[in-house]
């Protein structure tokens, strides 16, 4: 699958496999590639979550959907929460709630090929 994203005055195709994560900031949804390039996406995170392959993408917070291969490590945080370390590095600390932490760990276990 491909999304058409705007880059200045052009629309360019962006393959889903090239996207490390989707974020929302100030009501603007962006896709960030593994090369750390950000592109505006004209969709809601809820819509993206519904159409992305759940084997490859997981909604870690209300503001972020991440591709499995972008996860570098998980760090145990207080009260059952996790801190997510991703590539490319995100500008803010990604804290996963206690409820989502269990789901995230299960998702990683279920969707990792040995």
PDB file of N, CA and C in Angstrom:
ATOM      1  N   UNK A   1       0.833  -1.189   0.000  1.00  0.00           N
ATOM      2  CA  UNK A   1       0.000   0.000   0.000  1.00  0.00           C
ATOM      3  C   UNK A   1       0.873   1.247   0.000  1.00  0.00           C
ATOM      4  N   UNK A   2       0.331   2.285  -0.583  1.00  0.00           N
ATOM      5  CA  UNK A   2       1.052   3.546  -0.723  1.00  0.00           C
ATOM      6  C   UNK A   2       0.133   4.702  -0.335  1.00  0.00           C
ATOM      7  N   UNK A   3       0.716   5.716   0.291  1.00  0.00           N
ATOM      8  CA  UNK A   3      -0.009   6.949   0.576  1.00  0.00           C
ATOM      9  C   UNK A   3       0.546   8.043  -0.317  1.00  0.00           C
ATOM     10  N   UNK A   4      -0.343   8.886  -0.823  1.00  0.00           N
ATOM     11  CA  UNK A   4       0.100  10.070  -1.550  1.00  0.00           C
ATOM     12  C   UNK A   4       0.303  11.173  -0.533  1.00  0.00           C
ATOM     13  N   UNK A   5       1.521  11.680  -0.475  1.00  0.00           N
ATOM     14  CA  UNK A   5       1.850  12.711   0.505  1.00  0.00           C
ATOM     15  C   UNK A   5       2.312  13.960  -0.222  1.00  0.00           C
ATOM     16  N   UNK A   6       2.068  15.087   0.399  1.00  0.00           N
ATOM     17  CA  UNK A   6       2.432  16.352  -0.224  1.00  0.00           C
ATOM     18  C   UNK A   6       3.834  16.755   0.200  1.00  0.00           C
ATOM     19  N   UNK A   7       4.628  17.102  -0.809  1.00  0.00           N
ATOM     20  CA  UNK A   7       5.956  17.651  -0.573  1.00  0.00           C
ATOM     21  C   UNK A   7       6.042  18.924  -1.406  1.00  0.00           C
ATOM     22  N   UNK A   8       5.958  20.040  -0.707  1.00  0.00           N
ATOM     23  CA  UNK A   8       5.840  21.364  -1.334  1.00  0.00           C
ATOM     24  C   UNK A   8       4.621  21.374  -2.244  1.00  0.00           C
ATOM     25  N   UNK A   9       4.807  21.537  -3.551  1.00  0.00           N
ATOM     26  CA  UNK A   9       3.655  21.606  -4.456  1.00  0.00           C
ATOM     27  C   UNK A   9       3.450  20.308  -5.231  1.00  0.00           C
ATOM     28  N   UNK A  10       4.057  19.219  -4.767  1.00  0.00           N
ATOM     29  CA  UNK A  10       3.929  17.938  -5.458  1.00  0.00           C
ATOM     30  C   UNK A  10       3.312  16.887  -4.540  1.00  0.00           C
ATOM     31  N   UNK A  11       2.654  15.931  -5.157  1.00  0.00           N
ATOM     32  CA  UNK A  11       2.196  14.749  -4.444  1.00  0.00           C
ATOM     33  C   UNK A  11       3.119  13.606  -4.827  1.00  0.00           C
ATOM     34  N   UNK A  12       3.662  12.920  -3.823  1.00  0.00           N
ATOM     35  CA  UNK A  12       4.562  11.814  -4.108  1.00  0.00           C
ATOM     36  C   UNK A  12       4.044  10.551  -3.421  1.00  0.00           C
ATOM     37  N   UNK A  13       4.256   9.393  -4.042  1.00  0.00           N
ATOM     38  CA  UNK A  13       3.832   8.145  -3.408  1.00  0.00           C
ATOM     39  C   UNK A  13       4.827   7.750  -2.312  1.00  0.00           C
ATOM     40  N   UNK A  14       4.306   7.375  -1.156  1.00  0.00           N
ATOM     41  CA  UNK A  14       5.133   6.949  -0.031  1.00  0.00           C
ATOM     42  C   UNK A  14       4.681   5.544   0.363  1.00  0.00           C
ATOM     43  N   UNK A  15       5.587   4.584   0.224  1.00  0.00           N
ATOM     44  CA  UNK A  15       5.250   3.197   0.542  1.00  0.00           C
ATOM     45  C   UNK A  15       5.125   3.021   2.050  1.00  0.00           C
ATOM     46  N   UNK A  16       4.133   2.259   2.454  1.00  0.00           N
ATOM     47  CA  UNK A  16       3.894   2.015   3.874  1.00  0.00           C
ATOM     48  C   UNK A  16       5.128   1.390   4.525  1.00  0.00           C
ATOM     49  N   UNK A  17       5.820   0.526   3.811  1.00  0.00           N
ATOM     50  CA  UNK A  17       7.008  -0.125   4.356  1.00  0.00           C
ATOM     51  C   UNK A  17       8.150   0.825   4.672  1.00  0.00           C
ATOM     52  N   UNK A  18       8.115   2.024   4.083  1.00  0.00           N
ATOM     53  CA  UNK A  18       9.159   3.024   4.346  1.00  0.00           C
ATOM     54  C   UNK A  18       8.838   3.895   5.557  1.00  0.00           C
ATOM     55  N   UNK A  19       7.643   3.729   6.117  1.00  0.00           N
ATOM     56  CA  UNK A  19       7.198   4.579   7.226  1.00  0.00           C
ATOM     57  C   UNK A  19       7.553   3.932   8.561  1.00  0.00           C
ATOM     58  N   UNK A  20       8.314   4.666   9.384  1.00  0.00           N
ATOM     59  CA  UNK A  20       8.685   4.178  10.717  1.00  0.00           C
ATOM     60  C   UNK A  20       7.539   4.395  11.694  1.00  0.00           C
ATOM     61  N   UNK A  21       6.929   5.583  11.641  1.00  0.00           N
ATOM     62  CA  UNK A  21       5.800   5.867  12.520  1.00  0.00           C
ATOM     63  C   UNK A  21       4.973   7.034  12.007  1.00  0.00           C
ATOM     64  N   UNK A  22       3.741   7.065  12.500  1.00  0.00           N
ATOM     65  CA  UNK A  22       2.811   8.162  12.259  1.00  0.00           C
ATOM     66  C   UNK A  22       2.627   8.881  13.594  1.00  0.00           C
ATOM     67  N   UNK A  23       2.578  10.207  13.546  1.00  0.00           N
ATOM     68  CA  UNK A  23       2.363  10.986  14.769  1.00  0.00           C
ATOM     69  C   UNK A  23       1.317  12.063  14.514  1.00  0.00           C
ATOM     70  N   UNK A  24       0.776  12.581  15.609  1.00  0.00           N
ATOM     71  CA  UNK A  24      -0.106  13.733  15.503  1.00  0.00           C
ATOM     72  C   UNK A  24       0.388  14.781  16.495  1.00  0.00           C
ATOM     73  N   UNK A  25       0.560  15.989  15.978  1.00  0.00           N
ATOM     74  CA  UNK A  25       0.978  17.121  16.798  1.00  0.00           C
ATOM     75  C   UNK A  25       0.161  18.323  16.359  1.00  0.00           C
ATOM     76  N   UNK A  26      -0.452  18.984  17.310  1.00  0.00           N
ATOM     77  CA  UNK A  26      -1.280  20.166  17.022  1.00  0.00           C
ATOM     78  C   UNK A  26      -2.296  19.864  15.904  1.00  0.00           C
ATOM     79  N   UNK A  27      -2.936  18.727  16.013  1.00  0.00           N
ATOM     80  CA  UNK A  27      -3.969  18.280  15.060  1.00  0.00           C
ATOM     81  C   UNK A  27      -3.451  18.010  13.657  1.00  0.00           C
ATOM     82  N   UNK A  28      -2.146  17.878  13.491  1.00  0.00           N
ATOM     83  CA  UNK A  28      -1.556  17.586  12.179  1.00  0.00           C
ATOM     84  C   UNK A  28      -0.936  16.191  12.238  1.00  0.00           C
ATOM     85  N   UNK A  29      -1.364  15.323  11.309  1.00  0.00           N
ATOM     86  CA  UNK A  29      -0.832  13.964  11.247  1.00  0.00           C
ATOM     87  C   UNK A  29       0.328  13.938  10.262  1.00  0.00           C
ATOM     88  N   UNK A  30       1.421  13.323  10.702  1.00  0.00           N
ATOM     89  CA  UNK A  30       2.605  13.197   9.851  1.00  0.00           C
ATOM     90  C   UNK A  30       3.086  11.756   9.853  1.00  0.00           C
ATOM     91  N   UNK A  31       3.671  11.372   8.722  1.00  0.00           N
ATOM     92  CA  UNK A  31       4.351  10.084   8.612  1.00  0.00           C
ATOM     93  C   UNK A  31       5.842  10.379   8.577  1.00  0.00           C
ATOM     94  N   UNK A  32       6.601   9.636   9.368  1.00  0.00           N
ATOM     95  CA  UNK A  32       8.059   9.777   9.374  1.00  0.00           C
ATOM     96  C   UNK A  32       8.676   8.512   8.817  1.00  0.00           C
ATOM     97  N   UNK A  33       9.577   8.688   7.858  1.00  0.00           N
ATOM     98  CA  UNK A  33      10.232   7.543   7.244  1.00  0.00           C
ATOM     99  C   UNK A  33      11.437   7.122   8.075  1.00  0.00           C
ATOM    100  N   UNK A  34      12.022   5.992   7.703  1.00  0.00           N
ATOM    101  CA  UNK A  34      13.225   5.528   8.388  1.00  0.00           C
ATOM    102  C   UNK A  34      14.405   6.459   8.116  1.00  0.00           C
ATOM    103  N   UNK A  35      14.293   7.306   7.096  1.00  0.00           N
ATOM    104  CA  UNK A  35      15.319   8.322   6.814  1.00  0.00           C
ATOM    105  C   UNK A  35      15.038   9.612   7.582  1.00  0.00           C
ATOM    106  N   UNK A  36      14.036   9.569   8.469  1.00  0.00           N
ATOM    107  CA  UNK A  36      13.634  10.690   9.324  1.00  0.00           C
ATOM    108  C   UNK A  36      13.103  11.882   8.536  1.00  0.00           C
ATOM    109  N   UNK A  37      12.411  11.602   7.448  1.00  0.00           N
ATOM    110  CA  UNK A  37      11.727  12.652   6.698  1.00  0.00           C
ATOM    111  C   UNK A  37      10.256  12.628   7.090  1.00  0.00           C
ATOM    112  N   UNK A  38       9.702  13.804   7.361  1.00  0.00           N
ATOM    113  CA  UNK A  38       8.302  13.905   7.763  1.00  0.00           C
ATOM    114  C   UNK A  38       7.426  14.378   6.618  1.00  0.00           C
ATOM    115  N   UNK A  39       6.266  13.745   6.491  1.00  0.00           N
ATOM    116  CA  UNK A  39       5.316  14.094   5.435  1.00  0.00           C
ATOM    117  C   UNK A  39       3.929  14.245   6.037  1.00  0.00           C
ATOM    118  N   UNK A  40       3.201  15.267   5.597  1.00  0.00           N
ATOM    119  CA  UNK A  40       1.824  15.457   6.042  1.00  0.00           C
ATOM    120  C   UNK A  40       0.939  14.358   5.470  1.00  0.00           C
ATOM    121  N   UNK A  41       0.069  13.836   6.308  1.00  0.00           N
ATOM    122  CA  UNK A  41      -0.894  12.816   5.892  1.00  0.00           C
ATOM    123  C   UNK A  41      -2.279  13.392   6.118  1.00  0.00           C
ATOM    124  N   UNK A  42      -3.103  13.338   5.091  1.00  0.00           N
ATOM    125  CA  UNK A  42      -4.440  13.915   5.183  1.00  0.00           C
ATOM    126  C   UNK A  42      -5.444  12.875   5.691  1.00  0.00           C
ATOM    127  N   UNK A  43      -5.160  12.303   6.850  1.00  0.00           N
ATOM    128  CA  UNK A  43      -6.040  11.311   7.465  1.00  0.00           C
ATOM    129  C   UNK A  43      -5.928  11.451   8.976  1.00  0.00           C
ATOM    130  N   UNK A  44      -6.907  10.897   9.671  1.00  0.00           N
ATOM    131  CA  UNK A  44      -6.856  10.843  11.133  1.00  0.00           C
ATOM    132  C   UNK A  44      -6.071   9.601  11.544  1.00  0.00           C
ATOM    133  N   UNK A  45      -5.452   9.653  12.730  1.00  0.00           N
ATOM    134  CA  UNK A  45      -4.739   8.472  13.231  1.00  0.00           C
ATOM    135  C   UNK A  45      -5.688   7.283  13.367  1.00  0.00           C
ATOM    136  N   UNK A  46      -6.936   7.537  13.756  1.00  0.00           N
ATOM    137  CA  UNK A  46      -7.915   6.459  13.897  1.00  0.00           C
ATOM    138  C   UNK A  46      -8.128   5.739  12.566  1.00  0.00           C
ATOM    139  N   UNK A  47      -8.207   6.516  11.476  1.00  0.00           N
ATOM    140  CA  UNK A  47      -8.401   5.925  10.152  1.00  0.00           C
ATOM    141  C   UNK A  47      -7.171   5.140   9.722  1.00  0.00           C
ATOM    142  N   UNK A  48      -5.992   5.692   9.996  1.00  0.00           N
ATOM    143  CA  UNK A  48      -4.751   4.986   9.664  1.00  0.00           C
ATOM    144  C   UNK A  48      -4.667   3.673  10.433  1.00  0.00           C
ATOM    145  N   UNK A  49      -4.984   3.736  11.715  1.00  0.00           N
ATOM    146  CA  UNK A  49      -4.932   2.534  12.554  1.00  0.00           C
ATOM    147  C   UNK A  49      -5.843   1.449  12.000  1.00  0.00           C
ATOM    148  N   UNK A  50      -6.997   1.830  11.501  1.00  0.00           N
ATOM    149  CA  UNK A  50      -7.962   0.872  10.969  1.00  0.00           C
ATOM    150  C   UNK A  50      -7.500   0.248   9.657  1.00  0.00           C
ATOM    151  N   UNK A  51      -6.741   0.998   8.858  1.00  0.00           N
ATOM    152  CA  UNK A  51      -6.365   0.466   7.550  1.00  0.00           C
ATOM    153  C   UNK A  51      -4.958  -0.127   7.476  1.00  0.00           C
ATOM    154  N   UNK A  52      -4.114   0.134   8.462  1.00  0.00           N
ATOM    155  CA  UNK A  52      -2.768  -0.435   8.468  1.00  0.00           C
ATOM    156  C   UNK A  52      -2.808  -1.892   8.931  1.00  0.00           C
ATOM    157  N   UNK A  53      -1.850  -2.675   8.457  1.00  0.00           N
ATOM    158  CA  UNK A  53      -1.757  -4.079   8.836  1.00  0.00           C
ATOM    159  C   UNK A  53      -1.384  -4.173  10.317  1.00  0.00           C
ATOM    160  N   UNK A  54      -2.243  -4.769  11.156  1.00  0.00           N
ATOM    161  CA  UNK A  54      -1.963  -4.837  12.595  1.00  0.00           C
ATOM    162  C   UNK A  54      -0.764  -5.723  12.945  1.00  0.00           C
ATOM    163  N   UNK A  55      -0.281  -6.513  12.012  1.00  0.00           N
ATOM    164  CA  UNK A  55       0.932  -7.290  12.240  1.00  0.00           C
ATOM    165  C   UNK A  55       2.158  -6.377  12.210  1.00  0.00           C
ATOM    166  N   UNK A  56       2.082  -5.316  11.412  1.00  0.00           N
ATOM    167  CA  UNK A  56       3.228  -4.426  11.226  1.00  0.00           C
ATOM    168  C   UNK A  56       3.164  -3.143  12.039  1.00  0.00           C
ATOM    169  N   UNK A  57       1.956  -2.662  12.341  1.00  0.00           N
ATOM    170  CA  UNK A  57       1.803  -1.371  13.014  1.00  0.00           C
ATOM    171  C   UNK A  57       0.989  -1.516  14.300  1.00  0.00           C
ATOM    172  N   UNK A  58       1.383  -0.708  15.302  1.00  0.00           N
ATOM    173  CA  UNK A  58       0.721  -0.744  16.608  1.00  0.00           C
ATOM    174  C   UNK A  58       0.577   0.682  17.123  1.00  0.00           C
ATOM    175  N   UNK A  59      -0.590   0.979  17.670  1.00  0.00           N
ATOM    176  CA  UNK A  59      -0.828   2.310  18.250  1.00  0.00           C
ATOM    177  C   UNK A  59      -0.303   2.302  19.676  1.00  0.00           C
ATOM    178  N   UNK A  60       0.866   2.898  19.894  1.00  0.00           N
ATOM    179  CA  UNK A  60       1.514   2.849  21.206  1.00  0.00           C
ATOM    180  C   UNK A  60       0.987   3.921  22.155  1.00  0.00           C
ATOM    181  N   UNK A  61       0.559   5.063  21.606  1.00  0.00           N
ATOM    182  CA  UNK A  61      -0.024   6.139  22.409  1.00  0.00           C
ATOM    183  C   UNK A  61      -1.148   6.773  21.601  1.00  0.00           C
ATOM    184  N   UNK A  62      -1.839   7.711  22.195  1.00  0.00           N
ATOM    185  CA  UNK A  62      -2.890   8.423  21.445  1.00  0.00           C
ATOM    186  C   UNK A  62      -2.289   9.238  20.306  1.00  0.00           C
ATOM    187  N   UNK A  63      -1.010   9.563  20.414  1.00  0.00           N
ATOM    188  CA  UNK A  63      -0.353  10.415  19.419  1.00  0.00           C
ATOM    189  C   UNK A  63       0.525   9.666  18.429  1.00  0.00           C
ATOM    190  N   UNK A  64       0.689   8.336  18.573  1.00  0.00           N
ATOM    191  CA  UNK A  64       1.665   7.648  17.733  1.00  0.00           C
ATOM    192  C   UNK A  64       1.272   6.219  17.380  1.00  0.00           C
ATOM    193  N   UNK A  65       1.468   5.895  16.091  1.00  0.00           N
ATOM    194  CA  UNK A  65       1.369   4.526  15.582  1.00  0.00           C
ATOM    195  C   UNK A  65       2.758   4.184  15.054  1.00  0.00           C
ATOM    196  N   UNK A  66       3.273   3.033  15.457  1.00  0.00           N
ATOM    197  CA  UNK A  66       4.652   2.697  15.109  1.00  0.00           C
ATOM    198  C   UNK A  66       4.737   1.390  14.343  1.00  0.00           C
ATOM    199  N   UNK A  67       5.695   1.328  13.426  1.00  0.00           N
ATOM    200  CA  UNK A  67       5.978   0.086  12.718  1.00  0.00           C
ATOM    201  C   UNK A  67       6.914  -0.756  13.580  1.00  0.00           C
ATOM    202  N   UNK A  68       6.684  -2.047  13.594  1.00  0.00           N
ATOM    203  CA  UNK A  68       7.458  -2.969  14.435  1.00  0.00           C
ATOM    204  C   UNK A  68       8.963  -2.824  14.218  1.00  0.00           C
ATOM    205  N   UNK A  69       9.394  -2.693  12.982  1.00  0.00           N
ATOM    206  CA  UNK A  69      10.832  -2.631  12.708  1.00  0.00           C
ATOM    207  C   UNK A  69      11.471  -1.315  13.145  1.00  0.00           C
ATOM    208  N   UNK A  70      10.679  -0.338  13.565  1.00  0.00           N
ATOM    209  CA  UNK A  70      11.235   0.924  14.067  1.00  0.00           C
ATOM    210  C   UNK A  70      11.572   0.843  15.560  1.00  0.00           C
ATOM    211  N   UNK A  71      11.119  -0.219  16.216  1.00  0.00           N
ATOM    212  CA  UNK A  71      11.367  -0.358  17.660  1.00  0.00           C
ATOM    213  C   UNK A  71      12.772  -0.891  17.884  1.00  0.00           C
ATOM    214  N   UNK A  72      13.577  -0.108  18.627  1.00  0.00           N
ATOM    215  CA  UNK A  72      14.922  -0.555  18.973  1.00  0.00           C
ATOM    216  C   UNK A  72      14.929  -1.298  20.295  1.00  0.00           C
ATOM    217  N   UNK A  73      14.238  -0.742  21.291  1.00  0.00           N
ATOM    218  CA  UNK A  73      14.197  -1.400  22.598  1.00  0.00           C
ATOM    219  C   UNK A  73      13.058  -0.836  23.433  1.00  0.00           C
ATOM    220  N   UNK A  74      12.753  -1.578  24.492  1.00  0.00           N
ATOM    221  CA  UNK A  74      11.759  -1.169  25.474  1.00  0.00           C
ATOM    222  C   UNK A  74      12.482  -1.025  26.810  1.00  0.00           C
ATOM    223  N   UNK A  75      12.159   0.018  27.520  1.00  0.00           N
ATOM    224  CA  UNK A  75      12.768   0.247  28.829  1.00  0.00           C
ATOM    225  C   UNK A  75      11.671   0.219  29.880  1.00  0.00           C
ATOM    226  N   UNK A  76      11.908  -0.545  30.929  1.00  0.00           N
ATOM    227  CA  UNK A  76      10.935  -0.625  32.018  1.00  0.00           C
ATOM    228  C   UNK A  76      10.885   0.723  32.720  1.00  0.00           C
ATOM    229  N   UNK A  77       9.677   1.187  32.948  1.00  0.00           N
ATOM    230  CA  UNK A  77       9.441   2.475  33.585  1.00  0.00           C
ATOM    231  C   UNK A  77       8.586   2.220  34.818  1.00  0.00           C
ATOM    232  N   UNK A  78       8.335   3.213  35.617  1.00  0.00           N
ATOM    233  CA  UNK A  78       7.601   2.991  36.855  1.00  0.00           C
ATOM    234  C   UNK A  78       6.129   2.684  36.614  1.00  0.00           C
ATOM    235  N   UNK A  79       5.520   1.993  37.574  1.00  0.00           N
ATOM    236  CA  UNK A  79       4.094   1.636  37.580  1.00  0.00           C
ATOM    237  C   UNK A  79       3.661   0.842  36.347  1.00  0.00           C
ATOM    238  N   UNK A  80       4.550  -0.039  35.877  1.00  0.00           N
ATOM    239  CA  UNK A  80       4.192  -0.919  34.768  1.00  0.00           C
ATOM    240  C   UNK A  80       4.233  -0.284  33.393  1.00  0.00           C
ATOM    241  N   UNK A  81       4.687   0.954  33.316  1.00  0.00           N
ATOM    242  CA  UNK A  81       4.784   1.630  32.018  1.00  0.00           C
ATOM    243  C   UNK A  81       6.096   1.249  31.333  1.00  0.00           C
ATOM    244  N   UNK A  82       6.182   1.574  30.045  1.00  0.00           N
ATOM    245  CA  UNK A  82       7.399   1.337  29.278  1.00  0.00           C
ATOM    246  C   UNK A  82       7.820   2.617  28.588  1.00  0.00           C
ATOM    247  N   UNK A  83       9.113   2.751  28.380  1.00  0.00           N
ATOM    248  CA  UNK A  83       9.636   3.802  27.514  1.00  0.00           C
ATOM    249  C   UNK A  83      10.096   3.103  26.245  1.00  0.00           C
ATOM    250  N   UNK A  84       9.652   3.621  25.128  1.00  0.00           N
ATOM    251  CA  UNK A  84       9.936   3.024  23.829  1.00  0.00           C
ATOM    252  C   UNK A  84      11.075   3.776  23.164  1.00  0.00           C
ATOM    253  N   UNK A  85      12.097   3.048  22.725  1.00  0.00           N
ATOM    254  CA  UNK A  85      13.210   3.637  21.982  1.00  0.00           C
ATOM    255  C   UNK A  85      13.048   3.213  20.527  1.00  0.00           C
ATOM    256  N   UNK A  86      13.038   4.201  19.640  1.00  0.00           N
ATOM    257  CA  UNK A  86      12.744   3.934  18.234  1.00  0.00           C
ATOM    258  C   UNK A  86      13.845   4.494  17.331  1.00  0.00           C
ATOM    259  N   UNK A  87      13.837   3.981  16.109  1.00  0.00           N
ATOM    260  CA  UNK A  87      14.706   4.508  15.059  1.00  0.00           C
ATOM    261  C   UNK A  87      13.828   4.845  13.864  1.00  0.00           C
ATOM    262  N   UNK A  88      13.899   6.065  13.385  1.00  0.00           N
ATOM    263  CA  UNK A  88      14.742   7.155  13.857  1.00  0.00           C
ATOM    264  C   UNK A  88      14.260   7.679  15.211  1.00  0.00           C
ATOM    265  N   UNK A  89      15.194   8.236  15.960  1.00  0.00           N
ATOM    266  CA  UNK A  89      14.900   8.716  17.309  1.00  0.00           C
ATOM    267  C   UNK A  89      13.822   9.799  17.255  1.00  0.00           C
ATOM    268  N   UNK A  90      12.848   9.693  18.176  1.00  0.00           N
ATOM    269  CA  UNK A  90      11.778  10.681  18.274  1.00  0.00           C
ATOM    270  C   UNK A  90      12.222  11.772  19.227  1.00  0.00           C
ATOM    271  N   UNK A  91      11.752  12.990  18.993  1.00  0.00           N
ATOM    272  CA  UNK A  91      12.211  14.156  19.762  1.00  0.00           C
ATOM    273  C   UNK A  91      11.756  14.162  21.214  1.00  0.00           C
ATOM    274  N   UNK A  92      10.730  13.386  21.529  1.00  0.00           N
ATOM    275  CA  UNK A  92      10.230  13.312  22.897  1.00  0.00           C
ATOM    276  C   UNK A  92      10.292  11.869  23.382  1.00  0.00           C
ATOM    277  N   UNK A  93      10.291  11.698  24.694  1.00  0.00           N
ATOM    278  CA  UNK A  93      10.252  10.368  25.278  1.00  0.00           C
ATOM    279  C   UNK A  93       8.887   9.751  24.991  1.00  0.00           C
ATOM    280  N   UNK A  94       8.872   8.522  24.525  1.00  0.00           N
ATOM    281  CA  UNK A  94       7.619   7.824  24.225  1.00  0.00           C
ATOM    282  C   UNK A  94       7.300   6.922  25.412  1.00  0.00           C
ATOM    283  N   UNK A  95       6.316   7.332  26.214  1.00  0.00           N
ATOM    284  CA  UNK A  95       5.917   6.564  27.389  1.00  0.00           C
ATOM    285  C   UNK A  95       4.640   5.804  27.049  1.00  0.00           C
ATOM    286  N   UNK A  96       4.716   4.497  27.182  1.00  0.00           N
ATOM    287  CA  UNK A  96       3.578   3.630  26.886  1.00  0.00           C
ATOM    288  C   UNK A  96       2.878   3.318  28.208  1.00  0.00           C
ATOM    289  N   UNK A  97       1.570   3.500  28.240  1.00  0.00           N
ATOM    290  CA  UNK A  97       0.789   3.287  29.463  1.00  0.00           C
ATOM    291  C   UNK A  97       0.872   1.835  29.924  1.00  0.00           C
ATOM    292  N   UNK A  98       0.514   1.616  31.174  1.00  0.00           N
ATOM    293  CA  UNK A  98       0.524   0.266  31.744  1.00  0.00           C
ATOM    294  C   UNK A  98      -0.366  -0.679  30.920  1.00  0.00           C
ATOM    295  N   UNK A  99      -1.562  -0.223  30.580  1.00  0.00           N
ATOM    296  CA  UNK A  99      -2.490  -1.056  29.802  1.00  0.00           C
ATOM    297  C   UNK A  99      -1.921  -1.378  28.423  1.00  0.00           C
ATOM    298  N   UNK A 100      -1.379  -0.375  27.757  1.00  0.00           N
ATOM    299  CA  UNK A 100      -0.817  -0.578  26.415  1.00  0.00           C
ATOM    300  C   UNK A 100       0.489  -1.364  26.464  1.00  0.00           C
ATOM    301  N   UNK A 101       1.222  -1.265  27.583  1.00  0.00           N
ATOM    302  CA  UNK A 101       2.512  -1.963  27.706  1.00  0.00           C
ATOM    303  C   UNK A 101       2.347  -3.464  27.544  1.00  0.00           C
ATOM    304  N   UNK A 102       1.363  -4.023  28.208  1.00  0.00           N
ATOM    305  CA  UNK A 102       1.117  -5.465  28.105  1.00  0.00           C
ATOM    306  C   UNK A 102       0.742  -5.832  26.668  1.00  0.00           C
ATOM    307  N   UNK A 103      -0.132  -5.047  26.058  1.00  0.00           N
ATOM    308  CA  UNK A 103      -0.536  -5.302  24.671  1.00  0.00           C
ATOM    309  C   UNK A 103       0.663  -5.202  23.727  1.00  0.00           C
ATOM    310  N   UNK A 104       1.508  -4.191  23.963  1.00  0.00           N
ATOM    311  CA  UNK A 104       2.686  -3.988  23.113  1.00  0.00           C
ATOM    312  C   UNK A 104       3.645  -5.167  23.204  1.00  0.00           C
ATOM    313  N   UNK A 105       3.923  -5.621  24.420  1.00  0.00           N
ATOM    314  CA  UNK A 105       4.830  -6.766  24.586  1.00  0.00           C
ATOM    315  C   UNK A 105       4.263  -8.013  23.921  1.00  0.00           C
ATOM    316  N   UNK A 106       2.979  -8.256  24.071  1.00  0.00           N
ATOM    317  CA  UNK A 106       2.339  -9.406  23.410  1.00  0.00           C
ATOM    318  C   UNK A 106       2.408  -9.272  21.897  1.00  0.00           C
ATOM    319  N   UNK A 107       2.163  -8.073  21.393  1.00  0.00           N
ATOM    320  CA  UNK A 107       2.202  -7.822  19.951  1.00  0.00           C
ATOM    321  C   UNK A 107       3.602  -8.092  19.392  1.00  0.00           C
ATOM    322  N   UNK A 108       4.626  -7.645  20.106  1.00  0.00           N
ATOM    323  CA  UNK A 108       6.006  -7.876  19.653  1.00  0.00           C
ATOM    324  C   UNK A 108       6.311  -9.378  19.639  1.00  0.00           C
ATOM    325  N   UNK A 109       5.920 -10.083  20.699  1.00  0.00           N
ATOM    326  CA  UNK A 109       6.161 -11.537  20.770  1.00  0.00           C
ATOM    327  C   UNK A 109       5.445 -12.265  19.637  1.00  0.00           C
ATOM    328  N   UNK A 110       4.187 -11.888  19.395  1.00  0.00           N
ATOM    329  CA  UNK A 110       3.373 -12.577  18.380  1.00  0.00           C
ATOM    330  C   UNK A 110       3.830 -12.281  16.960  1.00  0.00           C
ATOM    331  N   UNK A 111       4.428 -11.134  16.751  1.00  0.00           N
ATOM    332  CA  UNK A 111       4.748 -10.714  15.386  1.00  0.00           C
ATOM    333  C   UNK A 111       6.239 -10.662  15.088  1.00  0.00           C
ATOM    334  N   UNK A 112       7.024 -11.366  15.890  1.00  0.00           N
ATOM    335  CA  UNK A 112       8.450 -11.427  15.629  1.00  0.00           C
ATOM    336  C   UNK A 112       8.771 -12.777  15.040  1.00  0.00           C
ATOM    337  N   UNK A 113       9.480 -12.744  13.918  1.00  0.00           N
ATOM    338  CA  UNK A 113       9.883 -13.993  13.285  1.00  0.00           C
ATOM    339  C   UNK A 113      11.258 -14.373  13.807  1.00  0.00           C
ATOM    340  N   UNK A 114      11.394 -15.640  14.180  1.00  0.00           N
ATOM    341  CA  UNK A 114      12.680 -16.117  14.714  1.00  0.00           C
ATOM    342  C   UNK A 114      13.519 -16.704  13.610  1.00  0.00           C
TER     343      UNK A 114
END
